[in-house]
Protein backbone atom coordinates (compact mmCIF):
# COMPACT_ATOMS: atom_id res chain seq x y z
CA UNK A 1 89.91 -29.72 99.59
CA UNK A 2 90.59 -33.47 99.01
CA UNK A 3 92.53 -35.59 101.53
CA UNK A 4 94.97 -37.77 100.04
CA UNK A 5 94.67 -41.10 102.02
CA UNK A 6 98.18 -42.41 103.34
CA UNK A 7 99.98 -44.84 101.13
CA UNK A 8 99.78 -48.45 102.31
CA UNK A 9 102.46 -49.85 103.75
CA UNK A 10 104.17 -53.13 102.79
CA UNK A 11 103.69 -55.48 105.71
CA UNK A 12 106.94 -56.55 107.84
CA UNK A 13 108.14 -59.84 107.94
CA UNK A 14 107.53 -61.60 111.18
CA UNK A 15 110.50 -63.54 110.90
CA UNK A 16 114.18 -62.31 111.42
CA UNK A 17 115.40 -60.02 108.78
CA UNK A 18 118.53 -60.83 106.77
CA UNK A 19 120.22 -57.68 108.02
CA UNK A 20 119.11 -58.58 111.79
CA UNK A 21 120.73 -62.47 110.67
CA UNK A 22 123.66 -60.76 109.57
CA UNK A 23 124.42 -58.41 112.94
CA UNK A 24 123.57 -61.55 115.39
CA UNK A 25 125.71 -63.95 113.35
CA UNK A 26 128.56 -61.31 113.14
CA UNK A 27 127.92 -60.13 116.89
CA UNK A 28 128.36 -63.99 118.17
CA UNK A 29 131.60 -64.33 115.96
CA UNK A 30 132.98 -61.36 116.67
CA UNK A 31 132.47 -61.62 120.68
CA UNK A 32 133.76 -65.40 120.63
CA UNK A 33 136.93 -64.22 118.36
CA UNK A 34 137.41 -61.70 121.05
CA UNK A 35 137.09 -64.09 123.91
CA UNK A 36 139.17 -66.15 122.44
CA UNK A 37 141.99 -63.64 121.32
CA UNK A 38 142.14 -62.44 125.14
CA UNK A 39 142.51 -66.11 126.23
CA UNK A 40 145.38 -66.72 124.07
CA UNK A 41 147.03 -63.62 124.91
CA UNK A 42 146.68 -64.09 128.70
CA UNK A 43 148.23 -67.04 128.54
CA UNK A 44 150.76 -65.52 126.38
CA UNK A 45 151.31 -62.71 128.84
CA UNK A 46 151.52 -65.72 131.86
CA UNK A 47 154.15 -67.67 129.93
CA UNK A 48 155.85 -64.08 129.15
CA UNK A 49 156.37 -62.80 132.72
CA UNK A 50 157.00 -66.41 134.11
CA UNK A 51 160.07 -66.53 131.15
CA UNK A 52 161.08 -63.16 132.21
CA UNK A 53 161.44 -64.27 135.64
CA UNK A 54 163.23 -67.10 134.84
CA UNK A 55 165.89 -65.41 132.52
CA UNK A 56 166.40 -62.39 135.22
CA UNK A 57 167.33 -65.04 138.12
CA UNK A 58 168.97 -67.43 135.65
CA UNK A 59 171.44 -64.22 134.36
CA UNK A 60 171.50 -62.81 137.53
CA UNK A 61 173.03 -66.19 139.42
CA UNK A 62 175.39 -66.70 136.61
CA UNK A 63 176.96 -63.37 137.04
CA UNK A 64 177.02 -63.44 140.85
CA UNK A 65 178.69 -66.71 140.75
CA UNK A 66 181.91 -65.74 138.82
CA UNK A 67 181.78 -62.11 140.31
CA UNK A 68 185.32 -61.87 142.10
CA UNK A 69 184.12 -60.38 145.10
CA UNK A 70 181.42 -62.80 145.55
CA UNK A 71 184.07 -65.73 144.99
CA UNK A 72 186.46 -64.44 147.39
CA UNK A 73 184.07 -63.92 149.92
CA UNK A 74 182.46 -67.48 149.46
CA UNK A 75 186.07 -69.28 149.66
CA UNK A 76 187.12 -67.58 152.86
CA UNK A 77 183.68 -68.43 154.49
CA UNK A 78 184.25 -71.85 153.32
CA UNK A 79 187.77 -72.34 154.54
CA UNK A 80 186.73 -70.79 158.01
CA UNK A 81 183.12 -72.10 158.68
CA UNK A 82 184.46 -75.52 159.90
CA UNK A 83 186.67 -74.04 162.54
CA UNK A 84 184.50 -70.69 163.75
CA UNK A 85 181.35 -70.93 161.67
CA UNK A 86 179.69 -68.05 163.64
CA UNK A 87 182.51 -65.75 162.40
CA UNK A 88 182.82 -66.95 159.03
CA UNK A 89 179.17 -66.44 158.53
CA UNK A 90 179.25 -63.18 159.92
CA UNK A 91 182.54 -62.16 157.86
CA UNK A 92 180.69 -63.24 154.57
CA UNK A 93 177.67 -61.51 155.47
CA UNK A 94 179.20 -58.46 156.38
CA UNK A 95 180.77 -58.62 152.74
CA UNK A 96 178.13 -59.83 150.69
CA UNK A 97 174.76 -58.72 152.44
CA UNK A 98 175.03 -55.06 151.52
CA UNK A 99 176.24 -55.94 148.24
CA UNK A 100 172.85 -58.33 147.09
CA UNK A 101 171.02 -55.58 148.53
CA UNK A 102 172.01 -53.17 145.99
CA UNK A 103 171.72 -55.60 142.97
CA UNK A 104 168.34 -56.62 144.80
CA UNK A 105 166.99 -52.99 144.40
CA UNK A 106 168.70 -52.47 140.69
CA UNK A 107 167.08 -55.74 139.17
CA UNK A 108 163.93 -56.08 140.89
CA UNK A 109 164.02 -59.42 142.10
CA UNK A 110 162.83 -60.48 145.25
CA UNK A 111 165.80 -62.01 146.96
CA UNK A 112 169.49 -63.40 146.27
CA UNK A 113 170.64 -66.07 148.68
CA UNK A 114 174.32 -66.62 148.62
CA UNK A 115 174.90 -69.78 150.94
CA UNK A 116 177.88 -72.52 152.01
CA UNK A 117 177.41 -75.74 150.51
CA UNK A 118 175.69 -77.00 153.83
CA UNK A 119 172.67 -74.73 153.23
CA UNK A 120 173.84 -72.34 155.61
CA UNK A 121 172.72 -68.67 154.46
CA UNK A 122 175.16 -65.45 154.13
CA UNK A 123 173.00 -63.20 152.65
CA UNK A 124 168.86 -63.11 152.71
CA UNK A 125 166.36 -60.44 152.06
CA UNK A 126 165.22 -60.40 155.51
CA UNK A 127 168.41 -60.07 157.86
CA UNK A 128 166.94 -61.96 160.32
CA UNK A 129 167.54 -65.56 158.42
CA UNK A 130 170.89 -65.08 157.84
CA UNK A 131 172.59 -67.97 159.44
CA UNK A 132 169.96 -70.11 158.92
CA UNK A 133 169.34 -73.12 156.73
CA UNK A 134 167.93 -72.10 153.05
CA UNK A 135 164.82 -73.97 152.32
CA UNK A 136 164.82 -75.52 148.77
CA UNK A 137 166.64 -77.91 146.42
CA UNK A 138 170.51 -77.62 145.88
CA UNK A 139 171.31 -81.25 144.82
CA UNK A 140 172.11 -80.46 141.39
CA UNK A 141 173.83 -77.61 142.20
CA UNK A 142 176.17 -79.23 144.16
CA UNK A 143 176.81 -81.61 141.16
CA UNK A 144 177.91 -78.37 139.16
CA UNK A 145 174.59 -78.07 137.42
CA UNK A 146 172.25 -74.46 137.44
CA UNK A 147 168.95 -75.27 137.77
CA UNK A 148 165.45 -73.64 137.83
CA UNK A 149 162.48 -74.42 140.23
CA UNK A 150 159.30 -73.04 141.59
CA UNK A 151 159.57 -73.62 145.14
CA UNK A 152 157.64 -72.20 148.66
CA UNK A 153 160.58 -70.87 150.54
CA UNK A 154 160.74 -68.84 153.58
CA UNK A 155 159.23 -65.81 151.57
CA UNK A 156 156.45 -67.94 149.71
CA UNK A 157 156.33 -69.66 146.49
CA UNK A 158 158.83 -68.58 143.89
CA UNK A 159 160.55 -68.95 140.39
CA UNK A 160 164.22 -69.30 141.35
CA UNK A 161 167.38 -70.34 140.02
CA UNK A 162 170.35 -72.16 141.75
CA UNK A 163 173.94 -72.21 140.61
CA UNK A 164 177.34 -73.06 142.06
CA UNK A 165 180.36 -70.78 143.30
CA UNK A 166 183.25 -72.54 142.08
CA UNK A 167 186.82 -71.70 143.06
CA UNK A 168 190.01 -73.27 142.47
CA UNK A 169 187.74 -75.94 140.88
CA UNK A 170 186.21 -76.56 144.05
CA UNK A 171 182.54 -75.75 144.82
CA UNK A 172 182.83 -73.08 147.70
CA UNK A 173 179.15 -72.09 148.00
CA UNK A 174 175.78 -71.84 146.31
CA UNK A 175 173.88 -68.71 144.71
CA UNK A 176 170.33 -68.45 144.22
CA UNK A 177 168.25 -65.52 143.28
CA UNK A 178 164.37 -65.75 142.76
CA UNK A 179 160.90 -63.65 142.04
CA UNK A 180 157.87 -64.67 144.22
CA UNK A 181 154.78 -66.07 142.22
CA UNK A 182 152.73 -63.07 143.50
CA UNK A 183 154.84 -60.36 141.84
CA UNK A 184 154.74 -62.65 138.68
CA UNK A 185 151.08 -62.49 138.97
CA UNK A 186 151.09 -58.68 139.61
CA UNK A 187 152.91 -58.40 136.14
CA UNK A 188 150.63 -60.77 134.36
CA UNK A 189 147.51 -58.87 135.75
CA UNK A 190 149.16 -55.51 134.69
CA UNK A 191 149.94 -56.77 131.51
CA UNK A 192 146.24 -58.26 130.94
CA UNK A 193 144.53 -54.68 131.44
CA UNK A 194 146.59 -53.54 128.85
CA UNK A 195 145.38 -56.90 126.45
CA UNK A 196 142.02 -56.63 127.76
CA UNK A 197 141.89 -52.84 126.62
CA UNK A 198 143.12 -53.62 123.61
CA UNK A 199 140.75 -56.26 122.67
CA UNK A 200 137.61 -54.21 123.65
CA UNK A 201 139.07 -51.55 121.55
CA UNK A 202 139.16 -54.04 118.41
CA UNK A 203 135.73 -55.31 119.48
CA UNK A 204 134.21 -52.35 119.84
CA UNK A 205 135.64 -50.85 116.68
CA UNK A 206 134.48 -54.01 114.99
CA UNK A 207 130.49 -53.58 116.58
CA UNK A 208 130.54 -50.31 115.23
CA UNK A 209 131.61 -51.38 111.81
CA UNK A 210 128.92 -54.06 111.73
CA UNK A 211 126.44 -51.53 112.95
CA UNK A 212 127.33 -49.62 109.94
CA UNK A 213 127.02 -52.58 107.49
CA UNK A 214 123.99 -53.64 109.18
CA UNK A 215 122.10 -50.59 108.52
CA UNK A 216 122.99 -50.28 104.94
CA UNK A 217 122.16 -54.16 104.52
CA UNK A 218 118.56 -53.31 105.99
CA UNK A 219 118.41 -50.60 103.77
CA UNK A 220 119.59 -52.59 100.96
CA UNK A 221 117.01 -55.44 101.38
CA UNK A 222 114.41 -53.24 102.67
CA UNK A 223 114.19 -54.77 105.93
CA UNK A 224 113.22 -58.29 104.53
CA UNK A 225 113.37 -61.73 105.80
CA UNK A 226 114.67 -64.21 103.73
CA UNK A 227 111.83 -65.75 102.71
CA UNK A 228 110.08 -62.17 101.66
CA UNK A 229 113.49 -61.63 99.69
CA UNK A 230 113.42 -64.64 97.40
CA UNK A 231 109.49 -64.05 96.76
CA UNK A 232 110.76 -60.67 95.59
CA UNK A 233 113.58 -62.22 93.64
CA UNK A 234 111.17 -64.59 91.95
CA UNK A 235 108.95 -61.96 91.16
CA UNK A 236 111.47 -59.84 89.87
CA UNK A 237 112.91 -62.46 87.72
CA UNK A 238 109.39 -62.69 86.44
CA UNK A 239 108.82 -59.65 85.50
CA UNK A 240 112.42 -59.52 83.45
CA UNK A 241 111.01 -62.47 81.20
CA UNK A 242 107.70 -61.07 80.52
CA UNK A 243 109.97 -57.99 79.53
CA UNK A 244 111.92 -59.92 77.49
CA UNK A 245 108.86 -61.37 75.50
CA UNK A 246 107.10 -57.71 75.53
CA UNK A 247 110.23 -56.54 73.57
CA UNK A 248 110.26 -59.07 71.06
CA UNK A 249 106.67 -59.06 70.48
CA UNK A 250 106.98 -55.22 70.10
CA UNK A 251 109.46 -55.58 67.62
CA UNK A 252 107.33 -58.24 65.70
CA UNK A 253 104.40 -55.43 65.62
CA UNK A 254 106.53 -52.67 64.66
CA UNK A 255 107.91 -54.88 61.64
CA UNK A 256 104.49 -56.07 61.01
CA UNK A 257 102.91 -52.24 60.88
CA UNK A 258 105.90 -51.14 58.51
CA UNK A 259 105.13 -54.02 56.24
CA UNK A 260 101.42 -53.14 56.31
CA UNK A 261 101.69 -49.79 55.48
CA UNK A 262 103.94 -50.37 52.34
CA UNK A 263 101.53 -52.89 51.29
CA UNK A 264 98.68 -50.45 51.38
CA UNK A 265 100.79 -47.70 49.75
CA UNK A 266 101.28 -50.58 46.62
CA UNK A 267 97.68 -51.16 46.67
CA UNK A 268 96.57 -47.41 46.58
CA UNK A 269 99.76 -47.37 43.69
CA UNK A 270 97.60 -50.07 41.68
CA UNK A 271 100.94 -52.28 42.45
CA UNK A 272 98.80 -55.60 43.60
CA UNK A 273 101.54 -57.89 42.57
CA UNK A 274 104.42 -56.18 44.43
CA UNK A 275 101.89 -55.96 47.40
CA UNK A 276 100.64 -59.41 47.41
CA UNK A 277 104.43 -60.60 47.00
CA UNK A 278 105.43 -58.32 50.11
CA UNK A 279 102.54 -59.74 52.17
CA UNK A 280 103.38 -63.39 51.65
CA UNK A 281 107.07 -62.83 51.62
CA UNK A 282 107.55 -63.35 55.63
CA UNK A 283 104.27 -64.50 56.05
CA UNK A 284 105.17 -68.62 54.89
CA UNK A 285 107.81 -68.57 57.09
CA UNK A 286 106.23 -67.07 59.95
CA UNK A 287 103.34 -69.08 59.65
CA UNK A 288 105.29 -72.39 59.32
CA UNK A 289 106.96 -71.13 62.22
CA UNK A 290 104.11 -70.53 64.34
CA UNK A 291 102.33 -73.72 63.27
CA UNK A 292 105.71 -75.80 64.12
CA UNK A 293 105.90 -74.02 68.08
CA UNK A 294 102.35 -74.02 69.01
CA UNK A 295 101.83 -77.68 67.69
CA UNK A 296 105.27 -78.62 69.22
CA UNK A 297 105.43 -77.45 72.66
CA UNK A 298 103.16 -76.67 75.76
CA UNK A 299 104.83 -73.91 76.34
CA UNK A 300 103.23 -70.96 74.66
CA UNK A 301 105.46 -68.25 76.30
CA UNK A 302 108.13 -69.90 74.24
CA UNK A 303 106.56 -70.11 71.20
CA UNK A 304 106.13 -65.86 71.78
CA UNK A 305 109.58 -65.43 72.74
CA UNK A 306 110.64 -67.38 69.73
CA UNK A 307 108.48 -65.42 67.23
CA UNK A 308 109.22 -61.85 68.69
CA UNK A 309 113.24 -62.89 68.35
CA UNK A 310 112.78 -63.83 65.28
CA UNK A 311 110.91 -60.38 64.33
CA UNK A 312 113.97 -58.46 66.12
CA UNK A 313 116.80 -60.22 64.47
CA UNK A 314 114.78 -59.44 61.07
CA UNK A 315 114.89 -55.84 61.96
CA UNK A 316 118.82 -56.10 62.42
CA UNK A 317 119.29 -57.91 59.41
CA UNK A 318 119.93 -60.80 61.24
CA UNK A 319 118.76 -64.11 59.24
CA UNK A 320 117.20 -66.51 62.25
CA UNK A 321 116.41 -70.00 61.79
CA UNK A 322 114.61 -72.08 64.53
CA UNK A 323 113.99 -75.87 64.17
CA UNK A 324 112.55 -77.56 67.21
CA UNK A 325 111.63 -81.29 67.87
CA UNK A 326 109.81 -80.87 71.29
CA UNK A 327 107.35 -83.26 72.10
CA UNK A 328 104.08 -81.91 73.50
CA UNK A 329 103.43 -82.03 77.48
CA UNK A 330 107.34 -83.49 78.32
CA UNK A 331 109.20 -79.99 79.03
CA UNK A 332 107.81 -80.01 82.98
CA UNK A 333 110.16 -76.99 83.18
CA UNK A 334 109.28 -73.43 84.27
CA UNK A 335 108.34 -71.35 81.40
CA UNK A 336 110.46 -68.20 83.05
CA UNK A 337 113.99 -70.53 83.50
CA UNK A 338 113.36 -71.47 79.66
CA UNK A 339 112.99 -67.75 78.57
CA UNK A 340 116.07 -66.76 80.39
CA UNK A 341 118.05 -69.20 79.13
CA UNK A 342 116.99 -69.24 75.52
CA UNK A 343 116.29 -65.73 75.24
CA UNK A 344 119.65 -64.18 76.21
CA UNK A 345 121.49 -66.97 74.41
CA UNK A 346 119.85 -65.43 71.35
CA UNK A 347 120.45 -62.11 72.28
CA UNK A 348 124.19 -62.83 72.72
CA UNK A 349 124.26 -64.78 69.25
CA UNK A 350 122.46 -61.90 67.48
CA UNK A 351 125.33 -59.33 68.96
CA UNK A 352 127.83 -61.73 67.96
CA UNK A 353 126.63 -62.00 64.11
CA UNK A 354 126.37 -58.54 64.15
CA UNK A 355 129.81 -57.60 65.45
CA UNK A 356 131.19 -59.97 62.76
CA UNK A 357 129.61 -58.20 60.24
CA UNK A 358 130.58 -54.77 61.24
CA UNK A 359 133.91 -55.72 61.93
CA UNK A 360 134.91 -57.91 58.53
CA UNK A 361 132.09 -56.01 56.46
CA UNK A 362 130.35 -59.26 55.36
CA UNK A 363 126.65 -59.19 54.34
CA UNK A 364 125.76 -62.57 56.26
CA UNK A 365 124.77 -62.31 59.59
CA UNK A 366 122.57 -65.41 60.88
CA UNK A 367 121.84 -67.06 63.92
CA UNK A 368 120.25 -70.54 64.41
CA UNK A 369 118.36 -72.27 67.62
CA UNK A 370 117.56 -75.90 68.06
CA UNK A 371 115.28 -77.29 70.65
CA UNK A 372 114.62 -80.85 71.38
CA UNK A 373 113.83 -83.83 73.76
CA UNK A 374 115.87 -87.23 73.64
CA UNK A 375 114.67 -90.63 74.86
CA UNK A 376 117.66 -90.23 77.38
CA UNK A 377 115.01 -87.50 79.75
CA UNK A 378 117.00 -84.24 78.73
CA UNK A 379 115.87 -81.45 77.05
CA UNK A 380 118.59 -79.75 74.47
CA UNK A 381 118.89 -75.96 73.62
CA UNK A 382 121.82 -75.28 71.10
CA UNK A 383 121.76 -71.46 69.84
CA UNK A 384 124.85 -70.94 66.95
CA UNK A 385 125.77 -68.05 65.38
CA UNK A 386 128.30 -66.56 62.63
CA UNK A 387 130.08 -64.64 64.69
CA UNK A 388 133.80 -64.74 65.50
CA UNK A 389 133.31 -67.67 68.03
CA UNK A 390 134.54 -68.18 71.55
CA UNK A 391 138.59 -68.27 71.81
CA UNK A 392 139.27 -71.43 73.97
CA UNK A 393 140.67 -69.62 76.77
CA UNK A 394 137.71 -67.59 77.21
CA UNK A 395 135.16 -70.61 77.35
CA UNK A 396 135.51 -70.69 80.95
CA UNK A 397 135.23 -67.10 81.64
CA UNK A 398 132.35 -65.72 79.36
CA UNK A 399 129.94 -67.30 82.27
CA UNK A 400 131.43 -65.16 84.95
CA UNK A 401 129.30 -62.58 86.09
CA UNK A 402 130.45 -59.38 84.82
CA UNK A 403 132.36 -60.57 82.02
CA UNK A 404 132.10 -59.22 78.83
CA UNK A 405 133.97 -59.17 75.79
CA UNK A 406 132.29 -55.83 74.17
CA UNK A 407 134.08 -52.86 74.46
CA UNK A 408 131.92 -50.35 74.58
CA UNK A 409 131.95 -49.72 78.27
CA UNK A 410 128.00 -50.47 78.74
CA UNK A 411 127.42 -51.61 82.22
CA UNK A 412 124.70 -53.54 81.22
CA UNK A 413 126.86 -56.18 79.15
CA UNK A 414 128.16 -59.29 80.83
CA UNK A 415 125.14 -60.59 83.12
CA UNK A 416 122.95 -62.44 80.30
CA UNK A 417 125.17 -65.53 80.31
CA UNK A 418 126.02 -65.52 83.97
CA UNK A 419 122.27 -65.77 84.59
CA UNK A 420 122.23 -68.33 81.78
CA UNK A 421 124.95 -70.21 83.84
CA UNK A 422 123.01 -69.85 87.35
CA UNK A 423 119.82 -71.16 85.74
CA UNK A 424 121.18 -73.88 84.14
CA UNK A 425 123.44 -74.90 86.96
CA UNK A 426 119.98 -74.74 89.33
CA UNK A 427 118.38 -76.92 86.97
CA UNK A 428 120.87 -79.45 87.22
CA UNK A 429 121.96 -78.98 83.68
CA UNK A 430 125.56 -78.83 81.83
CA UNK A 431 126.71 -76.18 79.08
CA UNK A 432 129.21 -76.66 76.22
CA UNK A 433 130.81 -74.12 74.32
CA UNK A 434 132.00 -74.95 70.54
CA UNK A 435 132.09 -73.92 67.16
CA UNK A 436 129.68 -73.67 64.56
CA UNK A 437 129.62 -74.93 61.53
CA UNK A 438 130.81 -71.34 60.18
CA UNK A 439 133.31 -70.66 62.50
CA UNK A 440 131.23 -68.75 65.30
CA UNK A 441 130.04 -70.04 68.62
CA UNK A 442 127.84 -73.19 69.51
CA UNK A 443 126.61 -73.34 72.91
CA UNK A 444 124.87 -76.32 73.59
CA UNK A 445 122.45 -76.40 76.93
CA UNK A 446 121.35 -79.88 78.09
CA UNK A 447 118.95 -80.08 80.72
CA UNK A 448 117.19 -83.31 82.72
CA UNK A 449 113.60 -83.07 82.62
CA UNK A 450 111.50 -83.44 85.59
CA UNK A 451 110.14 -86.63 86.51
CA UNK A 452 111.98 -88.62 83.88
CA UNK A 453 115.52 -90.49 84.48
CA UNK A 454 118.45 -89.84 82.30
CA UNK A 455 119.69 -93.17 81.17
């Protein structure tokens, strides 16, 4: 039993594949974006925590400064502190300390200090410090203004707000409430844990999506590097060009085969005059076209294409006219590019001419192609047809990939002119769309020739 030898494997590129390049680039972007988002959310969490602490202490001191119980106790202590400081402080502390402790427990602030205008404390988070002097700024409050600051007091650094207590238009005391920065930091940390978790979840989700896209892209590109894919694309384009020429020549052979059988039959029937007329009917035009093309261009591929397209058009009942004024040795352009441009323009023109004839019932359908080089250093390719022409509003859109005016639903349509546009653009040329003398479309392509400066 014969042993089948293993199929040869295509050597892999040593360079980084397109899929891997995509994966690395997008991973870097995803990680950087995740870090940036986390940093922004961390700053936001810090600012939010401090803003909330400031807002809480501000609302609290403003409320306490207007509380009748607090105002009355501060007013009594203010009146009696000069004569009996210890008694006045003890009386005020007895009335206010239990009250502020309950408020501290309910609001979560770290301290509430109610004091005399000379800084003597009536309340404090640490009862042992009642009667001592308040540590911090009070000057703005003595001027009747409420203010907020970060200050290191007896309990540590805190975000605090101080406001005056007013009775009968006189400042009789001050109230301060604050949140320690270490507690604010604890809130920030808890929020950052949530933020970090959410950010990590998004990064993981993005990583999974990228991994899926990597696998699909790797399969689609057959694990090729950029250079390998470019070579494969060029090879495919060349294959397409060869196929275009082969189809055109196949049509020409088919036409000649039919004509030859007909001539043979006429000879057998003794109708030699008709056989001779049929044999020379297309021979003169074909020979003149062949002589002109082969003698006018150093690109035999173009000559073959134009001869084949002429045969195709004749089979479809479309009259084809070619006029060339190409100087030998002056083109210098890749034959495949010229095949792409001319072949697709002629195909599109033939389709347009046939569509007009089918729609309007007209017998005449024709396509004209003109090729020439000029003294300005450019190659001109102009293709005209007897179709309906291109409306002004569609003259830019017809070169878009996938766009087609054909209504037959064939997905193969809509790519020829797009390929022409990309090829012309790559060669540094321009495309103009106008109207032919017969009312159809007239597409003119102008391409600068390599090695010649357009003047």
